[in-house]
């Protein structure tokens, strides 16, 4: 009888240990899922904040600013569901709500792309290029989740494309100009040819910007052609080389 009781107690203890282990494993799985979800929401917030940090130098529309701030707000809400007592997230949510309220009070505004200028600093240019690349992906993602209507998506995506073309074209032109100043005529001509091809390959490019850049590129190409012709003329007028003299020396003698 005592043996049976001991076995029952051992069995019960074993089941209790197994149960505790299962509960602990489940708890760890839940915590792991929470950590992964929190990391995901933080990544969304950080990425969107990085894009918004470039708003002073990139001509974002007011509608795009609303979309980006709303994206942060949605991520904050999701994060607060995971950790409701997180005071920093709650404070950040209040700031974003205030920002959205201010944007709602203002009129819908789309700055002209002509107000945009490409900086001379390469690091700043690189930061812009990377931001526009991220922004393009974010716009596509928001549209796929029905957080941005189709017409708005088309317009914002087009503006990003135009900014990318303007940056690329301006950088190519400046590099060509510097190469020409360094008398690297071949490199300058290659860069200008690439610039012309870039502008012509984007049918939706702003015509005024395109025409202006093509005119500037053709001016430099004309200068390159002038230099090349001058160099060719100079070579043709140089005294004959020693090789020419040797060729003449060993030519068959004329019979008189």
Protein backbone atom coordinates (compact mmCIF):
# COMPACT_ATOMS: atom_id res chain seq x y z
CA UNK A 1 0.00 0.00 0.00
CA UNK A 2 2.76 2.40 0.94
CA UNK A 3 4.64 1.48 -2.25
CA UNK A 4 1.60 2.29 -4.37
CA UNK A 5 1.19 5.61 -2.59
CA UNK A 6 4.84 6.46 -3.17
CA UNK A 7 4.49 5.66 -6.86
CA UNK A 8 1.39 7.79 -7.11
CA UNK A 9 3.14 10.67 -5.41
CA UNK A 10 6.14 10.29 -7.72
CA UNK A 11 3.83 10.21 -10.72
CA UNK A 12 2.04 13.30 -9.52
CA UNK A 13 5.34 15.03 -8.90
CA UNK A 14 6.53 14.09 -12.38
CA UNK A 15 3.36 15.46 -13.94
CA UNK A 16 3.77 18.63 -11.92
CA UNK A 17 7.36 19.08 -13.14
CA UNK A 18 6.30 18.45 -16.73
CA UNK A 19 3.45 20.91 -16.34
CA UNK A 20 5.71 23.57 -14.87
CA UNK A 21 8.20 23.06 -17.72
CA UNK A 22 5.45 23.35 -20.31
CA UNK A 23 4.15 26.54 -18.70
CA UNK A 24 7.68 27.96 -18.56
CA UNK A 25 8.33 27.09 -22.20
CA UNK A 26 5.05 28.68 -23.23
CA UNK A 27 5.88 31.80 -21.21
CA UNK A 28 9.30 32.02 -22.86
CA UNK A 29 7.74 31.62 -26.28
CA UNK A 30 5.25 34.39 -25.55
CA UNK A 31 8.03 36.68 -24.29
CA UNK A 32 10.12 35.89 -27.36
CA UNK A 33 7.21 36.76 -29.64
CA UNK A 34 6.72 39.99 -27.71
CA UNK A 35 10.40 40.90 -28.04
CA UNK A 36 10.35 40.22 -31.77
CA UNK A 37 7.20 42.28 -32.25
CA UNK A 38 8.61 45.12 -30.14
CA UNK A 39 11.82 45.07 -32.18
CA UNK A 40 9.76 45.19 -35.37
CA UNK A 41 7.75 48.21 -34.21
CA UNK A 42 10.89 50.00 -33.01
CA UNK A 43 12.50 49.41 -36.41
CA UNK A 44 9.45 50.95 -38.12
CA UNK A 45 9.59 53.96 -35.80
CA UNK A 46 13.33 54.50 -36.26
CA UNK A 47 13.16 54.12 -40.04
CA UNK A 48 10.27 56.56 -40.35
CA UNK A 49 11.88 59.08 -38.01
CA UNK A 50 15.05 58.94 -40.09
CA UNK A 51 13.04 59.75 -43.21
CA UNK A 52 11.26 62.60 -41.44
CA UNK A 53 14.60 64.02 -40.30
CA UNK A 54 15.32 64.81 -43.98
CA UNK A 55 12.10 66.82 -44.38
CA UNK A 56 13.95 70.17 -44.03
CA UNK A 57 16.07 69.44 -47.13
CA UNK A 58 13.69 67.29 -49.21
CA UNK A 59 10.42 68.79 -50.53
CA UNK A 60 7.91 66.50 -48.82
CA UNK A 61 4.23 67.15 -49.34
CA UNK A 62 2.02 67.74 -46.30
CA UNK A 63 0.08 64.57 -47.19
CA UNK A 64 3.30 62.56 -47.08
CA UNK A 65 4.16 64.04 -43.69
CA UNK A 66 0.76 62.93 -42.41
CA UNK A 67 1.33 59.42 -43.76
CA UNK A 68 4.77 59.14 -42.15
CA UNK A 69 3.62 60.47 -38.78
CA UNK A 70 0.59 58.17 -38.85
CA UNK A 71 2.92 55.26 -39.56
CA UNK A 72 4.87 56.11 -36.41
CA UNK A 73 1.64 56.45 -34.41
CA UNK A 74 0.43 53.02 -35.56
CA UNK A 75 3.77 51.47 -34.57
CA UNK A 76 3.62 53.18 -31.17
CA UNK A 77 0.12 51.86 -30.58
CA UNK A 78 1.25 48.34 -31.41
CA UNK A 79 4.27 48.71 -29.11
CA UNK A 80 2.12 49.99 -26.23
CA UNK A 81 -0.15 46.96 -26.55
CA UNK A 82 2.94 44.87 -25.85
CA UNK A 83 4.22 47.11 -23.06
CA UNK A 84 1.44 49.44 -21.82
CA UNK A 85 3.58 50.84 -18.98
CA UNK A 86 6.39 52.10 -21.23
CA UNK A 87 6.44 55.83 -20.40
CA UNK A 88 8.80 56.85 -23.23
CA UNK A 89 6.52 55.30 -25.82
CA UNK A 90 3.48 56.98 -24.28
CA UNK A 91 5.21 60.37 -24.32
CA UNK A 92 6.30 59.86 -27.93
CA UNK A 93 2.73 58.97 -28.86
CA UNK A 94 1.48 62.25 -27.40
CA UNK A 95 4.08 64.18 -29.43
CA UNK A 96 3.06 62.46 -32.67
CA UNK A 97 -0.64 63.07 -31.99
CA UNK A 98 0.12 66.76 -31.51
CA UNK A 99 2.11 66.81 -34.74
CA UNK A 100 -0.77 65.21 -36.65
CA UNK A 101 -3.18 67.74 -35.17
CA UNK A 102 -0.99 70.61 -36.41
CA UNK A 103 -0.73 69.05 -39.87
CA UNK A 104 -4.50 68.65 -40.02
CA UNK A 105 -4.95 72.36 -39.31
CA UNK A 106 -2.74 73.35 -42.25
CA UNK A 107 -3.67 73.33 -45.93
CA UNK A 108 -2.61 70.54 -48.24
CA UNK A 109 0.75 71.67 -49.58
CA UNK A 110 3.09 70.20 -52.20
CA UNK A 111 6.35 72.18 -52.53
CA UNK A 112 7.65 72.65 -56.05
CA UNK A 113 10.54 70.35 -56.93
CA UNK A 114 12.29 73.44 -58.31
CA UNK A 115 12.89 74.53 -54.72
CA UNK A 116 15.11 71.47 -54.25
CA UNK A 117 18.86 71.87 -54.68
CA UNK A 118 21.49 69.13 -54.58
CA UNK A 119 24.19 69.85 -51.96
CA UNK A 120 27.88 69.84 -52.83
CA UNK A 121 28.74 67.60 -49.88
CA UNK A 122 28.93 63.96 -51.00
CA UNK A 123 27.88 62.63 -47.58
CA UNK A 124 24.75 64.76 -47.67
CA UNK A 125 24.00 63.58 -51.20
CA UNK A 126 24.45 59.96 -50.11
CA UNK A 127 22.11 60.51 -47.15
CA UNK A 128 19.47 61.91 -49.53
CA UNK A 129 19.84 58.98 -51.94
CA UNK A 130 19.49 56.44 -49.11
CA UNK A 131 16.49 58.29 -47.65
CA UNK A 132 14.66 58.40 -50.98
CA UNK A 133 15.31 54.70 -51.47
CA UNK A 134 13.79 53.95 -48.04
CA UNK A 135 10.93 56.36 -48.69
CA UNK A 136 10.05 54.63 -51.95
CA UNK A 137 9.79 51.29 -50.11
CA UNK A 138 7.70 52.85 -47.31
CA UNK A 139 5.28 54.43 -49.78
CA UNK A 140 4.85 51.11 -51.55
CA UNK A 141 4.28 49.35 -48.23
CA UNK A 142 1.70 51.89 -47.04
CA UNK A 143 -0.14 51.62 -50.34
CA UNK A 144 -0.17 47.82 -50.16
CA UNK A 145 -1.76 48.06 -46.70
CA UNK A 146 -4.42 50.48 -47.99
CA UNK A 147 -3.10 53.29 -45.81
CA UNK A 148 -2.48 55.42 -48.90
CA UNK A 149 -4.94 55.69 -51.77
CA UNK A 150 -3.81 54.89 -55.31
CA UNK A 151 -3.77 58.46 -56.64
CA UNK A 152 -1.68 59.68 -53.69
CA UNK A 153 0.67 56.72 -54.12
CA UNK A 154 1.20 57.49 -57.81
CA UNK A 155 1.88 61.16 -57.09
CA UNK A 156 4.29 60.56 -54.19
CA UNK A 157 6.11 57.79 -56.04
CA UNK A 158 6.50 60.08 -59.05
CA UNK A 159 7.93 62.86 -56.90
CA UNK A 160 10.50 60.45 -55.42
CA UNK A 161 11.46 59.35 -58.95
CA UNK A 162 11.90 62.96 -60.01
CA UNK A 163 14.09 63.76 -57.01
CA UNK A 164 16.25 60.72 -57.72
CA UNK A 165 16.67 61.81 -61.35
CA UNK A 166 17.56 65.36 -60.31
CA UNK A 167 20.18 64.14 -57.85
CA UNK A 168 21.67 61.66 -60.32
CA UNK A 169 21.76 64.17 -63.17
CA UNK A 170 23.25 66.95 -61.06
CA UNK A 171 25.95 64.69 -59.62
CA UNK A 172 26.89 63.41 -63.10
CA UNK A 173 27.09 66.95 -64.46
CA UNK A 174 29.26 68.20 -61.59
CA UNK A 175 31.60 65.23 -61.92
CA UNK A 176 31.88 65.84 -65.66
CA UNK A 177 32.63 69.52 -65.08
CA UNK A 178 35.35 68.69 -62.55
CA UNK A 179 36.84 66.07 -64.87
CA UNK A 180 36.99 68.63 -67.66
CA UNK A 181 38.69 71.14 -65.36
CA UNK A 182 41.27 68.45 -64.59
CA UNK A 183 41.71 67.98 -68.37
CA UNK A 184 40.27 64.45 -68.15
CA UNK A 185 38.40 64.90 -71.40
CA UNK A 186 37.55 61.23 -71.94
CA UNK A 187 36.03 60.83 -68.48
CA UNK A 188 34.08 64.06 -68.82
CA UNK A 189 32.63 62.99 -72.16
CA UNK A 190 31.66 59.57 -70.77
CA UNK A 191 29.90 61.15 -67.77
CA UNK A 192 28.01 63.59 -69.98
CA UNK A 193 26.90 60.80 -72.29
CA UNK A 194 25.61 58.92 -69.26
CA UNK A 195 23.81 62.08 -68.11
CA UNK A 196 22.07 62.51 -71.47
CA UNK A 197 21.06 58.84 -71.48
CA UNK A 198 19.69 59.15 -67.92
CA UNK A 199 17.54 62.15 -68.79
CA UNK A 200 16.23 60.62 -72.01
CA UNK A 201 15.38 57.31 -70.33
CA UNK A 202 12.96 58.97 -67.88
CA UNK A 203 9.98 60.05 -69.91
CA UNK A 204 8.24 61.60 -66.92
CA UNK A 205 11.12 63.92 -66.10
CA UNK A 206 10.16 67.57 -65.60
CA UNK A 207 10.64 69.15 -69.02
CA UNK A 208 12.12 72.41 -67.75
CA UNK A 209 14.72 70.61 -65.64
CA UNK A 210 15.44 68.13 -68.44
CA UNK A 211 15.86 70.86 -71.07
CA UNK A 212 18.09 72.91 -68.76
CA UNK A 213 20.37 69.98 -67.95
CA UNK A 214 20.56 68.88 -71.59
CA UNK A 215 21.51 72.42 -72.60
CA UNK A 216 24.27 72.54 -69.97
CA UNK A 217 25.49 69.07 -70.98
CA UNK A 218 25.59 70.03 -74.66
CA UNK A 219 27.56 73.16 -73.81
CA UNK A 220 30.22 71.05 -72.09
CA UNK A 221 30.19 68.53 -74.94
CA UNK A 222 30.74 71.42 -77.35
CA UNK A 223 33.68 72.59 -75.26
CA UNK A 224 35.11 69.06 -75.29
CA UNK A 225 34.79 68.86 -79.09
CA UNK A 226 36.55 72.23 -79.42
CA UNK A 227 39.43 71.02 -77.24
CA UNK A 228 39.74 67.75 -79.13
CA UNK A 229 39.81 69.55 -82.49
CA UNK A 230 42.41 71.98 -81.19
CA UNK A 231 44.58 69.10 -79.95
CA UNK A 232 44.22 67.29 -83.28
CA UNK A 233 45.20 70.44 -85.16
CA UNK A 234 48.21 70.89 -82.89
CA UNK A 235 49.37 67.32 -83.49
CA UNK A 236 49.03 67.69 -87.25
CA UNK A 237 51.25 70.80 -87.19
CA UNK A 238 54.03 69.27 -85.09
CA UNK A 239 57.43 68.63 -86.80
CA UNK A 240 57.90 65.17 -88.25
CA UNK A 241 59.22 62.64 -85.83
CA UNK A 242 62.46 60.74 -86.06
CA UNK A 243 60.43 57.77 -87.27
CA UNK A 244 59.27 59.83 -90.27
CA UNK A 245 62.90 60.72 -91.00
CA UNK A 246 63.94 57.06 -90.86
CA UNK A 247 61.09 56.08 -93.13
CA UNK A 248 62.25 58.67 -95.62
CA UNK A 249 65.87 57.52 -95.33
CA UNK A 250 65.05 53.94 -96.20
CA UNK A 251 62.61 54.71 -98.97
CA UNK A 252 63.71 53.45 -102.42
CA UNK A 253 65.87 56.00 -104.11
CA UNK A 254 64.31 57.81 -107.00
CA UNK A 255 65.82 57.21 -110.40
CA UNK A 256 66.80 60.34 -112.20
